[in-house]
C-alpha atoms as a PDB file:
ATOM      1  CA  UNK A   1      60.423 -43.293  30.840  1.00  0.00           C
ATOM      2  CA  UNK A   2      62.722 -45.176  29.027  1.00  0.00           C
ATOM      3  CA  UNK A   3      62.191 -49.073  28.170  1.00  0.00           C
ATOM      4  CA  UNK A   4      65.129 -50.803  28.037  1.00  0.00           C
ATOM      5  CA  UNK A   5      65.521 -54.061  26.315  1.00  0.00           C
ATOM      6  CA  UNK A   6      67.364 -56.856  26.930  1.00  0.00           C
ATOM      7  CA  UNK A   7      69.718 -58.283  24.215  1.00  0.00           C
ATOM      8  CA  UNK A   8      72.640 -60.272  23.770  1.00  0.00           C
ATOM      9  CA  UNK A   9      76.645 -59.109  22.833  1.00  0.00           C
ATOM     10  CA  UNK A  10      78.913 -61.621  21.974  1.00  0.00           C
ATOM     11  CA  UNK A  11      82.201 -59.723  23.202  1.00  0.00           C
ATOM     12  CA  UNK A  12      86.479 -61.352  22.928  1.00  0.00           C
ATOM     13  CA  UNK A  13      87.840 -62.144  25.927  1.00  0.00           C
ATOM     14  CA  UNK A  14      90.731 -59.550  25.708  1.00  0.00           C
ATOM     15  CA  UNK A  15      87.938 -56.944  24.616  1.00  0.00           C
ATOM     16  CA  UNK A  16      85.671 -57.703  27.529  1.00  0.00           C
ATOM     17  CA  UNK A  17      88.856 -57.699  30.120  1.00  0.00           C
ATOM     18  CA  UNK A  18      89.708 -54.235  28.783  1.00  0.00           C
ATOM     19  CA  UNK A  19      86.476 -52.964  29.015  1.00  0.00           C
ATOM     20  CA  UNK A  20      86.384 -54.185  32.746  1.00  0.00           C
ATOM     21  CA  UNK A  21      89.702 -52.139  33.337  1.00  0.00           C
ATOM     22  CA  UNK A  22      88.482 -49.102  32.196  1.00  0.00           C
ATOM     23  CA  UNK A  23      84.394 -49.573  33.852  1.00  0.00           C
ATOM     24  CA  UNK A  24      84.959 -48.351  37.402  1.00  0.00           C
ATOM     25  CA  UNK A  25      81.141 -48.327  38.512  1.00  0.00           C
ATOM     26  CA  UNK A  26      80.919 -51.908  37.383  1.00  0.00           C
ATOM     27  CA  UNK A  27      78.283 -51.791  35.488  1.00  0.00           C
ATOM     28  CA  UNK A  28      79.154 -53.119  32.179  1.00  0.00           C
ATOM     29  CA  UNK A  29      75.800 -52.657  30.043  1.00  0.00           C
ATOM     30  CA  UNK A  30      75.753 -48.638  31.135  1.00  0.00           C
ATOM     31  CA  UNK A  31      79.301 -48.527  29.904  1.00  0.00           C
ATOM     32  CA  UNK A  32      78.650 -50.087  26.603  1.00  0.00           C
ATOM     33  CA  UNK A  33      75.624 -47.985  26.402  1.00  0.00           C
ATOM     34  CA  UNK A  34      77.194 -44.735  26.856  1.00  0.00           C
ATOM     35  CA  UNK A  35      80.577 -45.979  24.461  1.00  0.00           C
ATOM     36  CA  UNK A  36      77.693 -46.561  21.449  1.00  0.00           C
ATOM     37  CA  UNK A  37      76.232 -43.231  22.126  1.00  0.00           C
ATOM     38  CA  UNK A  38      79.512 -41.687  22.112  1.00  0.00           C
ATOM     39  CA  UNK A  39      80.370 -43.595  18.831  1.00  0.00           C
ATOM     40  CA  UNK A  40      77.537 -42.925  17.397  1.00  0.00           C
ATOM     41  CA  UNK A  41      77.616 -39.203  17.865  1.00  0.00           C
ATOM     42  CA  UNK A  42      80.951 -39.640  16.410  1.00  0.00           C
ATOM     43  CA  UNK A  43      79.680 -41.119  13.268  1.00  0.00           C
ATOM     44  CA  UNK A  44      76.769 -37.926  13.004  1.00  0.00           C
ATOM     45  CA  UNK A  45      79.519 -35.409  13.231  1.00  0.00           C
ATOM     46  CA  UNK A  46      81.290 -36.991  10.309  1.00  0.00           C
ATOM     47  CA  UNK A  47      78.245 -37.246   8.591  1.00  0.00           C
ATOM     48  CA  UNK A  48      77.679 -33.467   9.107  1.00  0.00           C
ATOM     49  CA  UNK A  49      81.290 -33.137   7.885  1.00  0.00           C
ATOM     50  CA  UNK A  50      80.863 -35.064   4.666  1.00  0.00           C
ATOM     51  CA  UNK A  51      77.840 -33.148   4.296  1.00  0.00           C
ATOM     52  CA  UNK A  52      78.997 -29.682   4.392  1.00  0.00           C
ATOM     53  CA  UNK A  53      82.168 -30.896   2.522  1.00  0.00           C
ATOM     54  CA  UNK A  54      79.727 -31.607  -0.607  1.00  0.00           C
ATOM     55  CA  UNK A  55      77.766 -28.454  -0.177  1.00  0.00           C
ATOM     56  CA  UNK A  56      81.085 -26.601  -0.262  1.00  0.00           C
ATOM     57  CA  UNK A  57      82.677 -28.429  -3.291  1.00  0.00           C
ATOM     58  CA  UNK A  58      79.275 -27.829  -5.674  1.00  0.00           C
ATOM     59  CA  UNK A  59      79.206 -24.276  -4.614  1.00  0.00           C
ATOM     60  CA  UNK A  60      83.072 -23.965  -5.012  1.00  0.00           C
ATOM     61  CA  UNK A  61      83.307 -22.619  -8.251  1.00  0.00           C
ATOM     62  CA  UNK A  62      80.971 -19.714  -7.121  1.00  0.00           C
ATOM     63  CA  UNK A  63      82.828 -19.197  -4.544  1.00  0.00           C
ATOM     64  CA  UNK A  64      85.877 -18.954  -5.811  1.00  0.00           C
ATOM     65  CA  UNK A  65      85.004 -16.532  -8.656  1.00  0.00           C
ATOM     66  CA  UNK A  66      82.995 -14.413  -5.647  1.00  0.00           C
ATOM     67  CA  UNK A  67      86.290 -14.443  -3.974  1.00  0.00           C
ATOM     68  CA  UNK A  68      88.085 -13.003  -6.925  1.00  0.00           C
ATOM     69  CA  UNK A  69      85.828 -10.357  -7.449  1.00  0.00           C
ATOM     70  CA  UNK A  70      86.165  -9.121  -3.753  1.00  0.00           C
ATOM     71  CA  UNK A  71      89.829  -9.175  -4.087  1.00  0.00           C
ATOM     72  CA  UNK A  72      89.924  -7.066  -7.506  1.00  0.00           C
ATOM     73  CA  UNK A  73      87.630  -4.566  -5.769  1.00  0.00           C
ATOM     74  CA  UNK A  74      89.704  -4.265  -2.745  1.00  0.00           C
ATOM     75  CA  UNK A  75      92.812  -3.943  -4.780  1.00  0.00           C
ATOM     76  CA  UNK A  76      91.289  -1.151  -6.770  1.00  0.00           C
ATOM     77  CA  UNK A  77      89.965   0.515  -3.921  1.00  0.00           C
ATOM     78  CA  UNK A  78      92.943   0.048  -2.272  1.00  0.00           C
ATOM     79  CA  UNK A  79      95.360   1.549  -4.764  1.00  0.00           C
ATOM     80  CA  UNK A  80      92.901   4.715  -4.633  1.00  0.00           C
ATOM     81  CA  UNK A  81      94.342   5.785  -1.461  1.00  0.00           C
END
């Protein structure tokens, strides 16, 4: 069972008016909750991307060396034909 907690959020009039244009079902709380979930998902995705970039950067020299060795190996084996 999902428990909900009542909270208060202050929004600018302009943002509230825009929100009401996009919120077709009239459930403002549900709309805001879904928007927050979507935004948090994007933040998690960005965190994963940044983590992957750090991992790649950490191993970049080794990856580059391995790639050069593979290209050299391919060139030697290809020239045998």
